[in-house]
Amino acid sequence: MRTALRLLGDDGASMVEYAILASLIAAVCIAIVALIGINVENLFDAANKQL
């Protein structure tokens, strides 16, 4: 199997790996922004209740 991959080249596999890595980074960034948004919303709700 490795010999077949060497003949075909590793460029395709590395592009797929980069795409997977980029999508995972994007998913983590979206999750962090969503969590921060919820925390900020709760902070503003608490401040609004005190007014």
N, C-alpha and C. Protein backbone atom coordinates (compact mmCIF):
# COMPACT_ATOMS: atom_id res chain seq x y z
N MET A 1 0.83 -1.19 0.00
CA MET A 1 0.00 0.00 0.00
C MET A 1 0.87 1.25 0.00
N ARG A 2 1.91 1.25 0.82
CA ARG A 2 2.80 2.42 0.87
C ARG A 2 3.52 2.63 -0.45
N THR A 3 3.85 1.52 -1.12
CA THR A 3 4.52 1.66 -2.40
C THR A 3 3.59 2.33 -3.41
N ALA A 4 2.32 1.97 -3.37
CA ALA A 4 1.35 2.59 -4.27
C ALA A 4 1.21 4.07 -3.95
N LEU A 5 1.22 4.43 -2.66
CA LEU A 5 1.12 5.84 -2.28
C LEU A 5 2.37 6.61 -2.71
N ARG A 6 3.51 5.97 -2.64
CA ARG A 6 4.75 6.64 -3.07
C ARG A 6 4.74 6.89 -4.57
N LEU A 7 4.19 5.95 -5.31
CA LEU A 7 4.13 6.12 -6.75
C LEU A 7 3.16 7.24 -7.13
N LEU A 8 2.07 7.33 -6.38
CA LEU A 8 1.09 8.37 -6.66
C LEU A 8 1.51 9.72 -6.08
N GLY A 9 2.36 9.71 -5.10
CA GLY A 9 2.79 10.94 -4.44
C GLY A 9 1.97 11.17 -3.18
N ASP A 10 2.52 11.93 -2.27
CA ASP A 10 1.86 12.19 -1.00
C ASP A 10 1.16 13.55 -0.99
N ASP A 11 1.16 14.25 -2.10
CA ASP A 11 0.57 15.58 -2.11
C ASP A 11 -0.92 15.55 -1.83
N GLY A 12 -1.63 14.59 -2.37
CA GLY A 12 -3.06 14.49 -2.15
C GLY A 12 -3.39 14.21 -0.70
N ALA A 13 -2.66 13.32 -0.08
CA ALA A 13 -2.90 12.99 1.32
C ALA A 13 -2.59 14.19 2.20
N SER A 14 -1.55 14.92 1.91
CA SER A 14 -1.21 16.05 2.76
C SER A 14 -2.25 17.16 2.62
N MET A 15 -2.82 17.34 1.44
CA MET A 15 -3.87 18.34 1.26
C MET A 15 -5.11 17.96 2.06
N VAL A 16 -5.44 16.69 2.09
CA VAL A 16 -6.59 16.23 2.87
C VAL A 16 -6.32 16.44 4.36
N GLU A 17 -5.11 16.17 4.78
CA GLU A 17 -4.76 16.38 6.19
C GLU A 17 -4.85 17.85 6.55
N TYR A 18 -4.37 18.72 5.68
CA TYR A 18 -4.47 20.16 5.94
C TYR A 18 -5.92 20.61 5.99
N ALA A 19 -6.76 20.07 5.13
CA ALA A 19 -8.17 20.43 5.12
C ALA A 19 -8.86 19.98 6.41
N ILE A 20 -8.53 18.78 6.87
CA ILE A 20 -9.10 18.29 8.12
C ILE A 20 -8.63 19.14 9.28
N LEU A 21 -7.36 19.48 9.30
CA LEU A 21 -6.81 20.32 10.36
C LEU A 21 -7.47 21.70 10.37
N ALA A 22 -7.62 22.28 9.20
CA ALA A 22 -8.25 23.60 9.10
C ALA A 22 -9.71 23.55 9.55
N SER A 23 -10.42 22.49 9.20
CA SER A 23 -11.81 22.38 9.63
C SER A 23 -11.93 22.18 11.13
N LEU A 24 -11.00 21.44 11.72
CA LEU A 24 -11.02 21.28 13.18
C LEU A 24 -10.72 22.59 13.89
N ILE A 25 -9.76 23.35 13.37
CA ILE A 25 -9.45 24.66 13.95
C ILE A 25 -10.65 25.58 13.84
N ALA A 26 -11.32 25.56 12.70
CA ALA A 26 -12.51 26.40 12.52
C ALA A 26 -13.62 25.98 13.49
N ALA A 27 -13.80 24.70 13.69
CA ALA A 27 -14.84 24.22 14.61
C ALA A 27 -14.54 24.65 16.04
N VAL A 28 -13.28 24.58 16.44
CA VAL A 28 -12.90 25.01 17.78
C VAL A 28 -13.12 26.51 17.94
N CYS A 29 -12.76 27.29 16.93
CA CYS A 29 -12.97 28.74 16.98
C CYS A 29 -14.45 29.08 17.09
N ILE A 30 -15.28 28.39 16.34
CA ILE A 30 -16.73 28.63 16.41
C ILE A 30 -17.27 28.27 17.79
N ALA A 31 -16.80 27.18 18.35
CA ALA A 31 -17.26 26.77 19.68
C ALA A 31 -16.83 27.78 20.74
N ILE A 32 -15.61 28.28 20.64
CA ILE A 32 -15.12 29.26 21.61
C ILE A 32 -15.92 30.55 21.50
N VAL A 33 -16.16 31.02 20.29
CA VAL A 33 -16.93 32.25 20.10
C VAL A 33 -18.36 32.05 20.62
N ALA A 34 -18.94 30.90 20.41
CA ALA A 34 -20.30 30.63 20.90
C ALA A 34 -20.32 30.65 22.43
N LEU A 35 -19.33 30.04 23.06
CA LEU A 35 -19.28 30.03 24.53
C LEU A 35 -19.05 31.43 25.09
N ILE A 36 -18.17 32.18 24.46
CA ILE A 36 -17.92 33.54 24.92
C ILE A 36 -19.18 34.39 24.75
N GLY A 37 -19.90 34.18 23.66
CA GLY A 37 -21.14 34.91 23.42
C GLY A 37 -22.17 34.64 24.50
N ILE A 38 -22.29 33.38 24.91
CA ILE A 38 -23.24 33.02 25.97
C ILE A 38 -22.83 33.68 27.28
N ASN A 39 -21.52 33.66 27.58
CA ASN A 39 -21.05 34.28 28.82
C ASN A 39 -21.26 35.78 28.81
N VAL A 40 -21.03 36.42 27.69
CA VAL A 40 -21.24 37.87 27.59
C VAL A 40 -22.72 38.20 27.73
N GLU A 41 -23.56 37.38 27.12
CA GLU A 41 -25.00 37.60 27.23
C GLU A 41 -25.44 37.49 28.68
N ASN A 42 -24.95 36.49 29.39
CA ASN A 42 -25.28 36.33 30.81
C ASN A 42 -24.77 37.51 31.63
N LEU A 43 -23.60 38.01 31.29
CA LEU A 43 -23.04 39.16 31.99
C LEU A 43 -23.92 40.39 31.79
N PHE A 44 -24.36 40.64 30.58
CA PHE A 44 -25.23 41.78 30.31
C PHE A 44 -26.60 41.61 30.96
N ASP A 45 -27.12 40.39 31.00
CA ASP A 45 -28.39 40.14 31.66
C ASP A 45 -28.27 40.44 33.16
N ALA A 46 -27.18 40.02 33.77
CA ALA A 46 -26.97 40.28 35.19
C ALA A 46 -26.84 41.77 35.46
N ALA A 47 -26.14 42.48 34.59
CA ALA A 47 -25.99 43.93 34.75
C ALA A 47 -27.33 44.63 34.55
N ASN A 48 -28.13 44.15 33.64
CA ASN A 48 -29.43 44.74 33.37
C ASN A 48 -30.37 44.55 34.56
N LYS A 49 -30.29 43.40 35.21
CA LYS A 49 -31.14 43.14 36.37
C LYS A 49 -30.79 44.05 37.54
N GLN A 50 -29.51 44.43 37.64
CA GLN A 50 -29.08 45.29 38.74
C GLN A 50 -29.51 46.74 38.53
N LEU A 51 -29.79 47.10 37.30
CA LEU A 51 -30.21 48.48 37.04
C LEU A 51 -31.60 48.65 37.43
